[in-house]
Amino acid sequence: MSSKYRVHRFNLRMTADQSKLEKFLNSLEGEIISIIPNVTWFPSGALVDFLLIVEKAA
């Protein structure tokens, strides 16, 4: 039996998009397997500009 997976790219600003992310995650029909942040490092800190969300299809 093989499983099917979907990978979603979710663009965000960490300081402002919490409710948008919550709504997106609750709208998924399958099981969330992993959330992978894309982190960009700067001399003054770090920025997460998007997430990859791996969903196991129902």
PDB file of N, CA and C in Angstrom:
ATOM      1  N   MET A   1       0.847  -1.171   0.000  1.00  0.00           N
ATOM      2  CA  MET A   1       0.000   0.000   0.000  1.00  0.00           C
ATOM      3  C   MET A   1       0.900   1.243   0.000  1.00  0.00           C
ATOM      4  N   SER A   2       0.713   2.099  -0.961  1.00  0.00           N
ATOM      5  CA  SER A   2       1.541   3.305  -1.017  1.00  0.00           C
ATOM      6  C   SER A   2       0.723   4.520  -0.570  1.00  0.00           C
ATOM      7  N   SER A   3       1.393   5.400   0.124  1.00  0.00           N
ATOM      8  CA  SER A   3       0.743   6.617   0.603  1.00  0.00           C
ATOM      9  C   SER A   3       1.003   7.754  -0.370  1.00  0.00           C
ATOM     10  N   LYS A   4       0.090   8.689  -0.427  1.00  0.00           N
ATOM     11  CA  LYS A   4       0.256   9.876  -1.257  1.00  0.00           C
ATOM     12  C   LYS A   4       0.420  11.077  -0.342  1.00  0.00           C
ATOM     13  N   TYR A   5       1.299  11.959  -0.756  1.00  0.00           N
ATOM     14  CA  TYR A   5       1.595  13.140   0.038  1.00  0.00           C
ATOM     15  C   TYR A   5       1.445  14.391  -0.820  1.00  0.00           C
ATOM     16  N   ARG A   6       1.093  15.475  -0.177  1.00  0.00           N
ATOM     17  CA  ARG A   6       1.053  16.784  -0.837  1.00  0.00           C
ATOM     18  C   ARG A   6       1.978  17.709  -0.069  1.00  0.00           C
ATOM     19  N   VAL A   7       2.690  18.561  -0.804  1.00  0.00           N
ATOM     20  CA  VAL A   7       3.549  19.557  -0.177  1.00  0.00           C
ATOM     21  C   VAL A   7       2.989  20.926  -0.533  1.00  0.00           C
ATOM     22  N   HIS A   8       2.644  21.696   0.493  1.00  0.00           N
ATOM     23  CA  HIS A   8       2.085  23.032   0.316  1.00  0.00           C
ATOM     24  C   HIS A   8       3.145  24.057   0.697  1.00  0.00           C
ATOM     25  N   ARG A   9       3.235  25.128  -0.070  1.00  0.00           N
ATOM     26  CA  ARG A   9       4.097  26.251   0.290  1.00  0.00           C
ATOM     27  C   ARG A   9       3.190  27.337   0.875  1.00  0.00           C
ATOM     28  N   PHE A  10       3.529  27.797   2.074  1.00  0.00           N
ATOM     29  CA  PHE A  10       2.729  28.795   2.753  1.00  0.00           C
ATOM     30  C   PHE A  10       3.605  30.010   3.035  1.00  0.00           C
ATOM     31  N   ASN A  11       3.388  31.094   2.291  1.00  0.00           N
ATOM     32  CA  ASN A  11       4.142  32.328   2.501  1.00  0.00           C
ATOM     33  C   ASN A  11       3.612  33.044   3.729  1.00  0.00           C
ATOM     34  N   LEU A  12       4.504  33.597   4.533  1.00  0.00           N
ATOM     35  CA  LEU A  12       4.034  34.255   5.747  1.00  0.00           C
ATOM     36  C   LEU A  12       5.031  35.271   6.277  1.00  0.00           C
ATOM     37  N   ARG A  13       4.495  36.135   7.131  1.00  0.00           N
ATOM     38  CA  ARG A  13       5.288  37.016   7.982  1.00  0.00           C
ATOM     39  C   ARG A  13       5.023  36.526   9.401  1.00  0.00           C
ATOM     40  N   MET A  14       6.061  36.103  10.082  1.00  0.00           N
ATOM     41  CA  MET A  14       5.889  35.473  11.393  1.00  0.00           C
ATOM     42  C   MET A  14       5.202  36.388  12.395  1.00  0.00           C
ATOM     43  N   THR A  15       5.327  37.681  12.237  1.00  0.00           N
ATOM     44  CA  THR A  15       4.751  38.609  13.208  1.00  0.00           C
ATOM     45  C   THR A  15       3.279  38.908  12.957  1.00  0.00           C
ATOM     46  N   ALA A  16       2.738  38.515  11.785  1.00  0.00           N
ATOM     47  CA  ALA A  16       1.388  38.962  11.451  1.00  0.00           C
ATOM     48  C   ALA A  16       0.432  37.880  10.959  1.00  0.00           C
ATOM     49  N   ASP A  17       0.917  36.701  10.624  1.00  0.00           N
ATOM     50  CA  ASP A  17       0.073  35.735   9.925  1.00  0.00           C
ATOM     51  C   ASP A  17      -0.318  34.509  10.749  1.00  0.00           C
ATOM     52  N   GLN A  18      -0.328  34.618  12.054  1.00  0.00           N
ATOM     53  CA  GLN A  18      -0.668  33.474  12.888  1.00  0.00           C
ATOM     54  C   GLN A  18      -2.079  32.966  12.610  1.00  0.00           C
ATOM     55  N   SER A  19      -3.057  33.837  12.546  1.00  0.00           N
ATOM     56  CA  SER A  19      -4.443  33.391  12.319  1.00  0.00           C
ATOM     57  C   SER A  19      -4.621  32.837  10.907  1.00  0.00           C
ATOM     58  N   LYS A  20      -3.922  33.404   9.935  1.00  0.00           N
ATOM     59  CA  LYS A  20      -3.984  32.905   8.560  1.00  0.00           C
ATOM     60  C   LYS A  20      -3.420  31.474   8.493  1.00  0.00           C
ATOM     61  N   LEU A  21      -2.318  31.232   9.196  1.00  0.00           N
ATOM     62  CA  LEU A  21      -1.727  29.887   9.241  1.00  0.00           C
ATOM     63  C   LEU A  21      -2.666  28.914   9.942  1.00  0.00           C
ATOM     64  N   GLU A  22      -3.263  29.333  11.041  1.00  0.00           N
ATOM     65  CA  GLU A  22      -4.186  28.478  11.781  1.00  0.00           C
ATOM     66  C   GLU A  22      -5.369  28.066  10.900  1.00  0.00           C
ATOM     67  N   LYS A  23      -5.951  29.004  10.168  1.00  0.00           N
ATOM     68  CA  LYS A  23      -7.070  28.690   9.271  1.00  0.00           C
ATOM     69  C   LYS A  23      -6.645  27.724   8.177  1.00  0.00           C
ATOM     70  N   PHE A  24      -5.444  27.930   7.608  1.00  0.00           N
ATOM     71  CA  PHE A  24      -4.949  27.050   6.557  1.00  0.00           C
ATOM     72  C   PHE A  24      -4.760  25.625   7.082  1.00  0.00           C
ATOM     73  N   LEU A  25      -4.125  25.488   8.244  1.00  0.00           N
ATOM     74  CA  LEU A  25      -3.879  24.164   8.803  1.00  0.00           C
ATOM     75  C   LEU A  25      -5.191  23.445   9.125  1.00  0.00           C
ATOM     76  N   ASN A  26      -6.163  24.158   9.645  1.00  0.00           N
ATOM     77  CA  ASN A  26      -7.454  23.554   9.965  1.00  0.00           C
ATOM     78  C   ASN A  26      -8.254  23.188   8.719  1.00  0.00           C
ATOM     79  N   SER A  27      -7.930  23.782   7.571  1.00  0.00           N
ATOM     80  CA  SER A  27      -8.654  23.472   6.340  1.00  0.00           C
ATOM     81  C   SER A  27      -8.112  22.228   5.635  1.00  0.00           C
ATOM     82  N   LEU A  28      -6.950  21.750   6.038  1.00  0.00           N
ATOM     83  CA  LEU A  28      -6.380  20.564   5.401  1.00  0.00           C
ATOM     84  C   LEU A  28      -7.194  19.333   5.776  1.00  0.00           C
ATOM     85  N   GLU A  29      -7.369  18.430   4.821  1.00  0.00           N
ATOM     86  CA  GLU A  29      -8.181  17.242   5.057  1.00  0.00           C
ATOM     87  C   GLU A  29      -7.352  16.062   5.538  1.00  0.00           C
ATOM     88  N   GLY A  30      -6.078  16.022   5.149  1.00  0.00           N
ATOM     89  CA  GLY A  30      -5.224  14.901   5.529  1.00  0.00           C
ATOM     90  C   GLY A  30      -4.471  15.180   6.820  1.00  0.00           C
ATOM     91  N   GLU A  31      -3.561  14.265   7.133  1.00  0.00           N
ATOM     92  CA  GLU A  31      -2.744  14.370   8.337  1.00  0.00           C
ATOM     93  C   GLU A  31      -1.496  15.196   8.043  1.00  0.00           C
ATOM     94  N   ILE A  32      -1.171  16.137   8.909  1.00  0.00           N
ATOM     95  CA  ILE A  32       0.038  16.939   8.743  1.00  0.00           C
ATOM     96  C   ILE A  32       1.220  16.107   9.217  1.00  0.00           C
ATOM     97  N   ILE A  33       2.158  15.868   8.331  1.00  0.00           N
ATOM     98  CA  ILE A  33       3.321  15.045   8.633  1.00  0.00           C
ATOM     99  C   ILE A  33       4.470  15.901   9.136  1.00  0.00           C
ATOM    100  N   SER A  34       4.676  17.067   8.502  1.00  0.00           N
ATOM    101  CA  SER A  34       5.815  17.902   8.858  1.00  0.00           C
ATOM    102  C   SER A  34       5.569  19.342   8.438  1.00  0.00           C
ATOM    103  N   ILE A  35       6.151  20.266   9.203  1.00  0.00           N
ATOM    104  CA  ILE A  35       6.171  21.680   8.834  1.00  0.00           C
ATOM    105  C   ILE A  35       7.635  22.105   8.823  1.00  0.00           C
ATOM    106  N   ILE A  36       8.107  22.538   7.662  1.00  0.00           N
ATOM    107  CA  ILE A  36       9.512  22.865   7.470  1.00  0.00           C
ATOM    108  C   ILE A  36       9.642  24.353   7.180  1.00  0.00           C
ATOM    109  N   PRO A  37      10.279  25.105   8.074  1.00  0.00           N
ATOM    110  CA  PRO A  37      10.446  26.542   7.827  1.00  0.00           C
ATOM    111  C   PRO A  37      11.635  26.814   6.912  1.00  0.00           C
ATOM    112  N   ASN A  38      11.516  27.828   6.062  1.00  0.00           N
ATOM    113  CA  ASN A  38      12.646  28.319   5.282  1.00  0.00           C
ATOM    114  C   ASN A  38      13.206  29.520   6.047  1.00  0.00           C
ATOM    115  N   VAL A  39      14.395  29.354   6.611  1.00  0.00           N
ATOM    116  CA  VAL A  39      15.001  30.385   7.449  1.00  0.00           C
ATOM    117  C   VAL A  39      16.115  31.070   6.674  1.00  0.00           C
ATOM    118  N   THR A  40      16.046  32.394   6.599  1.00  0.00           N
ATOM    119  CA  THR A  40      17.093  33.202   5.992  1.00  0.00           C
ATOM    120  C   THR A  40      17.797  33.950   7.121  1.00  0.00           C
ATOM    121  N   TRP A  41      19.108  33.769   7.193  1.00  0.00           N
ATOM    122  CA  TRP A  41      19.888  34.398   8.271  1.00  0.00           C
ATOM    123  C   TRP A  41      20.475  35.709   7.805  1.00  0.00           C
ATOM    124  N   PHE A  42      20.417  36.701   8.662  1.00  0.00           N
ATOM    125  CA  PHE A  42      21.001  38.020   8.434  1.00  0.00           C
ATOM    126  C   PHE A  42      21.924  38.328   9.606  1.00  0.00           C
ATOM    127  N   PRO A  43      22.851  39.270   9.448  1.00  0.00           N
ATOM    128  CA  PRO A  43      23.705  39.643  10.583  1.00  0.00           C
ATOM    129  C   PRO A  43      22.897  40.123  11.794  1.00  0.00           C
ATOM    130  N   SER A  44      21.727  40.693  11.548  1.00  0.00           N
ATOM    131  CA  SER A  44      20.914  41.211  12.651  1.00  0.00           C
ATOM    132  C   SER A  44      19.887  40.205  13.174  1.00  0.00           C
ATOM    133  N   GLY A  45      19.788  39.022  12.579  1.00  0.00           N
ATOM    134  CA  GLY A  45      18.813  38.039  13.041  1.00  0.00           C
ATOM    135  C   GLY A  45      18.412  37.074  11.946  1.00  0.00           C
ATOM    136  N   ALA A  46      17.235  36.502  12.085  1.00  0.00           N
ATOM    137  CA  ALA A  46      16.740  35.517  11.133  1.00  0.00           C
ATOM    138  C   ALA A  46      15.315  35.851  10.731  1.00  0.00           C
ATOM    139  N   LEU A  47      14.922  35.348   9.551  1.00  0.00           N
ATOM    140  CA  LEU A  47      13.595  35.595   9.019  1.00  0.00           C
ATOM    141  C   LEU A  47      13.059  34.293   8.444  1.00  0.00           C
ATOM    142  N   VAL A  48      11.835  33.932   8.818  1.00  0.00           N
ATOM    143  CA  VAL A  48      11.139  32.807   8.196  1.00  0.00           C
ATOM    144  C   VAL A  48      10.178  33.411   7.190  1.00  0.00           C
ATOM    145  N   ASP A  49      10.413  33.157   5.898  1.00  0.00           N
ATOM    146  CA  ASP A  49       9.571  33.775   4.874  1.00  0.00           C
ATOM    147  C   ASP A  49       8.533  32.830   4.284  1.00  0.00           C
ATOM    148  N   PHE A  50       8.726  31.521   4.422  1.00  0.00           N
ATOM    149  CA  PHE A  50       7.681  30.584   4.029  1.00  0.00           C
ATOM    150  C   PHE A  50       7.869  29.259   4.744  1.00  0.00           C
ATOM    151  N   LEU A  51       6.802  28.480   4.755  1.00  0.00           N
ATOM    152  CA  LEU A  51       6.800  27.140   5.330  1.00  0.00           C
ATOM    153  C   LEU A  51       6.464  26.140   4.243  1.00  0.00           C
ATOM    154  N   LEU A  52       7.079  24.971   4.302  1.00  0.00           N
ATOM    155  CA  LEU A  52       6.632  23.845   3.495  1.00  0.00           C
ATOM    156  C   LEU A  52       5.875  22.928   4.441  1.00  0.00           C
ATOM    157  N   ILE A  53       4.646  22.603   4.080  1.00  0.00           N
ATOM    158  CA  ILE A  53       3.787  21.781   4.922  1.00  0.00           C
ATOM    159  C   ILE A  53       3.514  20.481   4.172  1.00  0.00           C
ATOM    160  N   VAL A  54       3.925  19.367   4.755  1.00  0.00           N
ATOM    161  CA  VAL A  54       3.746  18.053   4.146  1.00  0.00           C
ATOM    162  C   VAL A  54       2.486  17.433   4.732  1.00  0.00           C
ATOM    163  N   GLU A  55       1.567  17.091   3.848  1.00  0.00           N
ATOM    164  CA  GLU A  55       0.275  16.522   4.246  1.00  0.00           C
ATOM    165  C   GLU A  55       0.131  15.130   3.651  1.00  0.00           C
ATOM    166  N   LYS A  56      -0.237  14.178   4.470  1.00  0.00           N
ATOM    167  CA  LYS A  56      -0.549  12.819   3.987  1.00  0.00           C
ATOM    168  C   LYS A  56      -1.990  12.847   3.522  1.00  0.00           C
ATOM    169  N   ALA A  57      -2.193  12.566   2.247  1.00  0.00           N
ATOM    170  CA  ALA A  57      -3.528  12.649   1.662  1.00  0.00           C
ATOM    171  C   ALA A  57      -4.459  11.625   2.288  1.00  0.00           C
ATOM    172  N   ALA A  58      -5.700  12.034   2.489  1.00  0.00           N
ATOM    173  CA  ALA A  58      -6.701  11.165   3.122  1.00  0.00           C
ATOM    174  C   ALA A  58      -7.157  10.072   2.179  1.00  0.00           C
TER     175      ALA A  58
END
